[in-house]
Amino acid sequence: MAGIRFEAVTIDCPDAPALARFYHDLTGMEIEQVPDDTFPTISAHGVALAFQPVEGYRPPTWPTQERGQQLHLDFVTDDIPAAVAYAESIGATRAPAPPEDDFTVMLDPAGHPFCLAAPFTDLEEYAQRREIRRDGIPTITLAGVNVDCPELAPMIRFYLGLTGMEYREPAGEYPKLVGENGLLYLFQDVEGYRPSTWPTQERGQQMHIDYLVRDLDAAVAQAERLGATVADREAGRYFVVMLDPAGHPFCLCQRS
């Protein structure tokens, strides 16, 4: 194994500081100080969200595949109506989706869908360890990242092989992967799935996952053996952009 571990979910947007502030306000995750504020980041208990400004950014057209969401974030809360009202008060909107008893689909200020859900799996124990409770504000905790794909099994095999995460299949639920920081990887098969056209905004990547590696060459070789392809690599650069078997970009990063 090449020592590949989660670093952050990086979210495309037109205004990175503004979107970082939104998710900070939504979750209570702390804003990190980063040089020149190019990629503002929020984090809590080993889980981080980073925000990447993209020129000509175009939001997803969820639920259509014209510009599919590609990935989305799942948050859990004990009070969905209160969480929805709070999210709206800080700039989110409800997505055009039928109401459900156990979750509500929202759009963040950049148009990314995300879910506010009641606890939906026994694996919620991992998210509970990362809860941030604030007076007068509903507790909204990042539970997992949900990946659109044409088939579940190949994606699960790929990410299990890439990261060595824990495989769990609770009774009556889709299989899930659990990272060492407790972030769930969830996968949903999407009819008519269309992959990202990164780096264009025709069907933008919307968000991607960054991984830290000990040896960049070894990590790239391991990802390729598992079915990934190299999308962008420059000699001497600290990261390589790869595409997973469903066409989602992800980055392997060897930082000094």
Protein backbone atom coordinates (compact mmCIF):
# COMPACT_ATOMS: atom_id res chain seq x y z
CA MET A 1 0.00 0.00 0.00
CA ALA A 2 1.18 3.51 -0.84
CA GLY A 3 -0.13 5.16 2.33
CA ILE A 4 -3.11 7.02 0.86
CA ARG A 5 -5.29 8.85 3.37
CA PHE A 6 -8.09 11.41 3.26
CA GLU A 7 -7.14 15.08 3.47
CA ALA A 8 -10.23 17.09 2.47
CA VAL A 9 -13.30 17.36 0.31
CA THR A 10 -12.62 20.34 -1.96
CA ILE A 11 -15.67 22.21 -3.26
CA ASP A 12 -15.73 24.29 -6.46
CA CYS A 13 -17.39 27.68 -6.18
CA PRO A 14 -17.34 31.26 -7.49
CA ASP A 15 -16.54 32.82 -4.08
CA ALA A 16 -14.43 30.59 -1.82
CA PRO A 17 -14.37 32.74 1.34
CA ALA A 18 -18.15 33.22 1.21
CA LEU A 19 -18.85 29.50 0.82
CA ALA A 20 -16.37 28.64 3.58
CA ARG A 21 -18.23 31.04 5.85
CA PHE A 22 -21.56 29.41 4.96
CA TYR A 23 -20.37 25.91 5.89
CA HIS A 24 -18.67 27.25 9.01
CA ASP A 25 -21.97 28.80 10.06
CA LEU A 26 -23.88 25.63 9.11
CA THR A 27 -21.73 23.20 11.08
CA GLY A 28 -19.56 25.14 13.53
CA MET A 29 -16.41 23.65 11.94
CA GLU A 30 -13.49 26.03 12.49
CA ILE A 31 -12.05 28.14 9.68
CA GLU A 32 -8.34 27.42 9.29
CA GLN A 33 -5.81 30.11 8.52
CA VAL A 34 -4.18 29.36 5.17
CA PRO A 35 -1.58 31.39 3.23
CA ASP A 36 -3.15 34.09 0.97
CA ASP A 37 -6.63 32.60 1.60
CA THR A 38 -6.65 30.97 -1.86
CA PHE A 39 -8.25 27.78 -0.59
CA PRO A 40 -10.05 28.57 2.67
CA THR A 41 -10.63 25.45 4.75
CA ILE A 42 -12.85 24.47 7.66
CA SER A 43 -12.22 21.43 9.82
CA ALA A 44 -13.23 19.50 12.91
CA HIS A 45 -11.84 16.28 14.40
CA GLY A 46 -9.86 15.17 11.36
CA VAL A 47 -12.46 16.05 8.71
CA ALA A 48 -11.91 19.07 6.47
CA LEU A 49 -13.78 20.92 3.73
CA ALA A 50 -11.77 23.16 1.40
CA PHE A 51 -13.13 25.69 -1.07
CA GLN A 52 -11.69 26.26 -4.53
CA PRO A 53 -12.51 29.34 -6.64
CA VAL A 54 -13.33 28.36 -10.22
CA GLU A 55 -13.50 30.84 -13.08
CA GLY A 56 -16.77 30.53 -15.01
CA TYR A 57 -18.21 28.23 -12.35
CA ARG A 58 -21.56 26.68 -13.28
CA PRO A 59 -23.70 25.01 -10.58
CA PRO A 60 -25.17 21.53 -10.94
CA THR A 61 -28.61 21.03 -12.45
CA TRP A 62 -29.60 18.33 -9.97
CA PRO A 63 -31.60 16.15 -10.29
CA THR A 64 -30.85 16.15 -14.04
CA GLN A 65 -27.59 14.87 -15.50
CA GLU A 66 -27.08 17.93 -17.70
CA ARG A 67 -24.56 19.04 -15.07
CA GLY A 68 -24.90 16.32 -12.46
CA GLN A 69 -24.00 16.94 -8.83
CA GLN A 70 -21.23 14.27 -9.05
CA LEU A 71 -20.76 14.21 -5.25
CA HIS A 72 -22.78 15.66 -2.41
CA LEU A 73 -22.44 15.98 1.36
CA ASP A 74 -24.76 14.35 3.91
CA PHE A 75 -25.31 16.09 7.25
CA VAL A 76 -27.21 14.62 10.18
CA THR A 77 -29.37 16.45 12.68
CA ASP A 78 -31.86 15.57 15.40
CA ASP A 79 -34.31 18.25 14.25
CA ILE A 80 -34.75 18.49 10.48
CA PRO A 81 -37.31 21.37 10.44
CA ALA A 82 -35.12 23.49 12.72
CA ALA A 83 -32.00 22.63 10.72
CA VAL A 84 -33.73 23.51 7.44
CA ALA A 85 -34.95 26.85 8.83
CA TYR A 86 -31.48 27.66 10.13
CA ALA A 87 -29.80 26.70 6.82
CA GLU A 88 -32.23 28.97 4.97
CA SER A 89 -31.47 31.82 7.37
CA ILE A 90 -27.76 31.69 6.43
CA GLY A 91 -28.22 31.45 2.67
CA ALA A 92 -29.29 27.92 1.67
CA THR A 93 -32.45 27.17 -0.31
CA ARG A 94 -34.61 24.07 -0.56
CA ALA A 95 -33.99 22.01 -3.67
CA PRO A 96 -36.88 21.27 -6.04
CA ALA A 97 -37.49 17.80 -4.60
CA PRO A 98 -40.55 16.08 -3.09
CA PRO A 99 -40.62 16.31 0.72
CA GLU A 100 -39.37 13.30 2.67
CA ASP A 101 -39.87 12.42 6.33
CA ASP A 102 -36.24 11.63 7.07
CA PHE A 103 -34.26 14.10 4.95
CA THR A 104 -34.47 17.38 3.07
CA VAL A 105 -32.35 18.25 0.04
CA MET A 106 -30.93 21.75 0.22
CA LEU A 107 -28.82 23.89 -2.11
CA ASP A 108 -25.89 25.84 -0.71
CA PRO A 109 -25.26 29.42 -1.92
CA ALA A 110 -23.20 28.09 -4.85
CA GLY A 111 -25.95 25.66 -5.87
CA HIS A 112 -24.45 22.41 -4.57
CA PRO A 113 -27.09 19.99 -3.26
CA PHE A 114 -26.61 18.68 0.26
CA CYS A 115 -28.83 16.63 2.54
CA LEU A 116 -30.03 17.40 6.04
CA ALA A 117 -31.03 14.00 7.36
CA ALA A 118 -32.19 12.27 10.48
CA PRO A 119 -29.69 9.64 11.66
CA PHE A 120 -29.85 7.09 8.85
CA THR A 121 -27.47 4.32 9.90
CA ASP A 122 -26.02 2.66 12.98
CA LEU A 123 -22.73 4.11 11.75
CA GLU A 124 -23.90 7.52 12.98
CA GLU A 125 -21.72 6.82 16.00
CA TYR A 126 -18.81 8.14 13.95
CA ALA A 127 -20.52 11.45 13.20
CA GLN A 128 -21.64 11.81 16.81
CA ARG A 129 -18.01 11.93 17.89
CA ARG A 130 -17.63 15.04 15.75
CA GLU A 131 -20.75 16.90 16.89
CA ILE A 132 -20.34 20.60 17.62
CA ARG A 133 -23.08 21.87 19.89
CA ARG A 134 -23.89 25.59 19.90
CA ASP A 135 -26.40 27.46 21.99
CA GLY A 136 -29.56 28.29 20.06
CA ILE A 137 -28.40 26.63 16.82
CA PRO A 138 -29.42 23.13 15.64
CA THR A 139 -26.57 20.61 15.73
CA ILE A 140 -25.68 19.82 12.10
CA THR A 141 -22.84 17.33 11.66
CA LEU A 142 -21.09 16.21 8.50
CA ALA A 143 -21.69 12.46 8.29
CA GLY A 144 -20.40 11.53 4.85
CA VAL A 145 -19.65 12.22 1.24
CA ASN A 146 -22.01 10.57 -1.25
CA VAL A 147 -20.67 9.68 -4.69
CA ASP A 148 -22.86 9.36 -7.80
CA CYS A 149 -21.92 6.47 -10.08
CA PRO A 150 -23.36 4.09 -12.68
CA GLU A 151 -22.70 0.97 -10.53
CA LEU A 152 -22.07 0.59 -6.82
CA ALA A 153 -19.84 -2.47 -6.62
CA PRO A 154 -16.95 -1.26 -8.85
CA MET A 155 -16.78 2.05 -7.01
CA ILE A 156 -16.76 0.40 -3.59
CA ARG A 157 -14.01 -1.99 -4.68
CA PHE A 158 -11.95 0.87 -6.09
CA TYR A 159 -12.07 3.11 -3.01
CA LEU A 160 -11.63 0.18 -0.66
CA GLY A 161 -8.48 -0.79 -2.55
CA LEU A 162 -7.26 2.80 -2.82
CA THR A 163 -7.60 3.76 0.83
CA GLY A 164 -7.95 0.55 2.84
CA MET A 165 -10.95 1.98 4.65
CA GLU A 166 -13.24 -0.17 6.76
CA TYR A 167 -16.05 -1.90 4.80
CA ARG A 168 -19.41 -2.00 6.55
CA GLU A 169 -22.78 -3.27 5.34
CA PRO A 170 -25.39 -2.67 8.05
CA ALA A 171 -28.56 -4.77 7.74
CA GLY A 172 -30.94 -3.33 5.17
CA GLU A 173 -28.53 -0.62 4.02
CA TYR A 174 -26.24 0.00 1.07
CA PRO A 175 -22.58 -0.86 1.78
CA LYS A 176 -20.48 1.98 3.16
CA LEU A 177 -16.82 2.68 3.74
CA VAL A 178 -15.60 4.30 6.95
CA GLY A 179 -12.43 6.38 7.01
CA GLU A 180 -10.08 6.54 9.97
CA ASN A 181 -11.55 9.94 10.84
CA GLY A 182 -15.08 8.50 10.86
CA LEU A 183 -16.20 10.12 7.60
CA LEU A 184 -18.55 7.80 5.73
CA TYR A 185 -18.14 7.15 2.01
CA LEU A 186 -21.55 6.45 0.50
CA PHE A 187 -22.35 5.57 -3.08
CA GLN A 188 -25.56 5.91 -5.06
CA ASP A 189 -26.21 4.46 -8.49
CA VAL A 190 -27.69 7.09 -10.81
CA GLU A 191 -29.69 6.22 -13.89
CA GLY A 192 -28.16 7.84 -16.97
CA TYR A 193 -25.07 8.88 -15.02
CA ARG A 194 -22.74 11.19 -16.97
CA PRO A 195 -19.19 11.74 -15.73
CA SER A 196 -17.53 15.08 -15.18
CA THR A 197 -15.86 16.85 -18.11
CA TRP A 198 -13.18 18.34 -15.84
CA PRO A 199 -11.44 20.72 -16.33
CA THR A 200 -14.30 22.27 -18.34
CA GLN A 201 -17.51 23.54 -16.79
CA GLU A 202 -19.72 21.68 -19.29
CA ARG A 203 -20.25 19.14 -16.51
CA GLY A 204 -17.99 20.46 -13.79
CA GLN A 205 -16.55 18.20 -11.10
CA GLN A 206 -18.47 20.24 -8.46
CA MET A 207 -16.29 18.79 -5.70
CA HIS A 208 -13.45 16.32 -5.36
CA ILE A 209 -11.48 14.51 -2.66
CA ASP A 210 -7.83 15.25 -1.87
CA TYR A 211 -5.66 12.46 -0.47
CA LEU A 212 -2.30 12.74 1.26
CA VAL A 213 0.34 10.19 0.23
CA ARG A 214 3.83 9.29 1.43
CA ASP A 215 5.16 8.45 -2.05
CA LEU A 216 3.46 10.14 -5.01
CA ASP A 217 4.81 7.80 -7.71
CA ALA A 218 3.82 4.71 -5.72
CA ALA A 219 0.35 6.13 -5.01
CA VAL A 220 -0.26 6.93 -8.69
CA ALA A 221 0.84 3.42 -9.66
CA GLN A 222 -1.46 1.89 -7.05
CA ALA A 223 -4.43 3.97 -8.24
CA GLU A 224 -3.77 2.96 -11.84
CA ARG A 225 -3.64 -0.73 -10.92
CA LEU A 226 -7.07 -0.34 -9.35
CA GLY A 227 -8.58 1.27 -12.45
CA ALA A 228 -7.88 5.01 -12.14
CA THR A 229 -6.33 7.07 -14.91
CA VAL A 230 -4.02 10.09 -14.80
CA ALA A 231 -5.84 13.27 -15.83
CA ASP A 232 -3.17 15.92 -15.15
CA ARG A 233 0.44 15.55 -14.06
CA GLU A 234 3.38 17.91 -14.26
CA ALA A 235 6.97 17.01 -13.42
CA GLY A 236 7.99 18.29 -10.01
CA ARG A 237 4.49 19.24 -8.91
CA TYR A 238 3.35 18.00 -5.51
CA PHE A 239 0.01 16.62 -6.71
CA VAL A 240 -1.47 14.52 -9.50
CA VAL A 241 -5.07 14.70 -10.66
CA MET A 242 -6.57 11.25 -11.24
CA LEU A 243 -9.94 10.02 -12.50
CA ASP A 244 -11.66 7.17 -10.68
CA PRO A 245 -13.40 4.41 -12.71
CA ALA A 246 -16.61 6.52 -12.91
CA GLY A 247 -14.71 9.61 -14.07
CA HIS A 248 -14.63 11.58 -10.81
CA PRO A 249 -11.44 13.62 -10.43
CA PHE A 250 -9.45 13.21 -7.22
CA CYS A 251 -6.02 14.43 -6.18
CA LEU A 252 -3.05 12.57 -4.75
CA CYS A 253 -0.87 15.04 -2.85
CA GLN A 254 2.61 14.65 -1.40
CA ARG A 255 3.13 17.78 0.68
CA SER A 256 6.49 18.75 2.11
